[in-house]
């Protein structure tokens, strides 16, 4: 219970520290100065959005480049492992004797005929 009440007090203090100067400024500063401030902030918004877009795009490109670098290094390692396995397999295959004698049989001549037997078709 004490922690909750302490948390509420801390939140209230932070809110008052943030809102206090704004409330004081609204009631104590000259309205013309507030108008000028509002115009300046309004005109600065496109620049702020542009800078935010630029920073976000740079951050996204950095993240993509990092992922690309990680994937490239993993693929290079996998390629090296595959090459090593391929070389070791080729060495064992070269030294191994074949278990079966394979004879290549001649291929039969295939003639394409019409269904009624009239002759051959050129394919």
Protein backbone atom coordinates (compact mmCIF):
# COMPACT_ATOMS: atom_id res chain seq x y z
CA UNK A 1 0.00 0.00 0.00
CA UNK A 2 2.84 2.37 0.82
CA UNK A 3 4.47 1.69 -2.53
CA UNK A 4 1.28 2.58 -4.40
CA UNK A 5 0.85 5.84 -2.52
CA UNK A 6 4.52 6.70 -3.09
CA UNK A 7 4.10 5.95 -6.79
CA UNK A 8 1.04 8.20 -7.00
CA UNK A 9 2.90 11.03 -5.25
CA UNK A 10 5.88 10.67 -7.60
CA UNK A 11 3.60 10.72 -10.67
CA UNK A 12 1.78 13.82 -9.39
CA UNK A 13 5.08 15.62 -8.79
CA UNK A 14 6.29 14.80 -12.30
CA UNK A 15 3.00 15.96 -13.84
CA UNK A 16 3.11 19.21 -11.86
CA UNK A 17 6.73 19.80 -12.86
CA UNK A 18 5.76 19.39 -16.51
CA UNK A 19 2.44 21.25 -16.47
CA UNK A 20 3.31 23.94 -13.90
CA UNK A 21 5.50 26.09 -16.17
CA UNK A 22 2.98 25.78 -18.98
CA UNK A 23 0.09 26.94 -16.79
CA UNK A 24 2.24 29.77 -15.38
CA UNK A 25 3.22 30.79 -18.92
CA UNK A 26 -0.35 30.87 -20.16
CA UNK A 27 -1.49 33.22 -17.40
CA UNK A 28 1.63 35.37 -16.91
CA UNK A 29 3.21 35.79 -20.36
CA UNK A 30 2.00 38.44 -22.78
CA UNK A 31 -0.58 37.05 -25.27
CA UNK A 32 1.42 38.46 -28.20
CA UNK A 33 4.46 36.44 -27.15
CA UNK A 34 2.28 33.34 -26.91
CA UNK A 35 0.97 33.98 -30.43
CA UNK A 36 4.48 34.35 -31.78
CA UNK A 37 5.50 31.17 -30.01
CA UNK A 38 2.50 29.31 -31.52
CA UNK A 39 3.37 30.54 -35.03
CA UNK A 40 7.03 29.55 -34.67
CA UNK A 41 6.13 26.09 -33.39
CA UNK A 42 3.55 25.62 -36.17
CA UNK A 43 6.08 26.57 -38.83
CA UNK A 44 8.71 24.31 -37.26
CA UNK A 45 6.47 21.21 -37.32
CA UNK A 46 7.25 20.20 -40.94
CA UNK A 47 10.97 20.45 -40.18
CA UNK A 48 10.54 18.37 -37.04
CA UNK A 49 8.55 15.72 -38.94
CA UNK A 50 11.17 15.73 -41.71
CA UNK A 51 13.98 15.25 -39.21
CA UNK A 52 12.03 12.45 -37.52
CA UNK A 53 11.49 10.75 -40.86
CA UNK A 54 15.17 11.11 -41.75
CA UNK A 55 16.29 9.72 -38.38
CA UNK A 56 13.81 6.84 -38.53
CA UNK A 57 14.86 5.94 -42.06
CA UNK A 58 18.50 5.95 -41.02
CA UNK A 59 17.73 3.74 -38.04
CA UNK A 60 15.74 1.33 -40.21
CA UNK A 61 18.56 1.15 -42.77
CA UNK A 62 21.03 0.45 -39.98
CA UNK A 63 18.84 -2.37 -38.67
CA UNK A 64 18.44 -3.83 -42.16
CA UNK A 65 22.18 -3.60 -42.79
CA UNK A 66 22.84 -5.35 -39.49
CA UNK A 67 20.43 -8.14 -40.39
CA UNK A 68 21.98 -8.41 -43.84
CA UNK A 69 25.46 -8.64 -42.33
CA UNK A 70 24.32 -11.37 -39.95
CA UNK A 71 22.60 -13.35 -42.69
CA UNK A 72 25.62 -12.99 -44.98
CA UNK A 73 27.99 -14.28 -42.32
CA UNK A 74 25.71 -17.22 -41.52
CA UNK A 75 25.39 -18.06 -45.22
CA UNK A 76 29.17 -17.86 -45.65
CA UNK A 77 29.67 -20.24 -42.72
CA UNK A 78 27.05 -22.63 -44.10
CA UNK A 79 28.69 -22.50 -47.52
CA UNK A 80 32.08 -23.33 -45.99
CA UNK A 81 30.61 -26.27 -44.10
CA UNK A 82 28.90 -27.51 -47.27
CA UNK A 83 32.17 -27.21 -49.23
CA UNK A 84 34.07 -29.14 -46.57
CA UNK A 85 31.42 -31.88 -46.53
CA UNK A 86 31.41 -31.96 -50.34
CA UNK A 87 35.19 -32.33 -50.49
CA UNK A 88 35.21 -35.08 -47.85
CA UNK A 89 32.37 -36.88 -49.65
CA UNK A 90 34.22 -36.70 -52.97
CA UNK A 91 37.34 -38.14 -51.34
CA UNK A 92 35.40 -41.08 -49.90
CA UNK A 93 33.57 -41.67 -53.19
CA UNK A 94 36.83 -41.70 -55.15
CA UNK A 95 38.32 -44.31 -52.83
CA UNK A 96 35.20 -46.43 -52.59
CA UNK A 97 34.75 -49.30 -55.02
CA UNK A 98 31.44 -49.59 -56.81
CA UNK A 99 29.17 -52.23 -55.34
CA UNK A 100 27.23 -52.97 -58.51
CA UNK A 101 28.17 -53.38 -62.15
CA UNK A 102 25.92 -51.17 -64.18
CA UNK A 103 25.50 -52.00 -67.85
CA UNK A 104 24.02 -49.40 -70.15
CA UNK A 105 21.44 -51.04 -72.39
CA UNK A 106 20.86 -49.70 -75.90
CA UNK A 107 17.79 -47.52 -76.18
CA UNK A 108 14.99 -48.89 -78.32
CA UNK A 109 13.88 -47.11 -81.47
CA UNK A 110 10.57 -45.38 -80.91
CA UNK A 111 8.25 -44.91 -83.88
CA UNK A 112 5.23 -42.69 -83.59
CA UNK A 113 2.29 -43.91 -85.68
CA UNK A 114 -1.20 -42.66 -86.21
CA UNK A 115 -3.99 -44.50 -84.46
CA UNK A 116 -5.20 -46.06 -87.69
CA UNK A 117 -1.67 -47.19 -88.67
CA UNK A 118 -1.30 -44.97 -91.77
CA UNK A 119 2.27 -43.96 -91.23
CA UNK A 120 4.83 -42.12 -89.13
CA UNK A 121 4.58 -38.68 -87.57
CA UNK A 122 7.54 -36.32 -87.49
CA UNK A 123 7.96 -34.82 -84.06
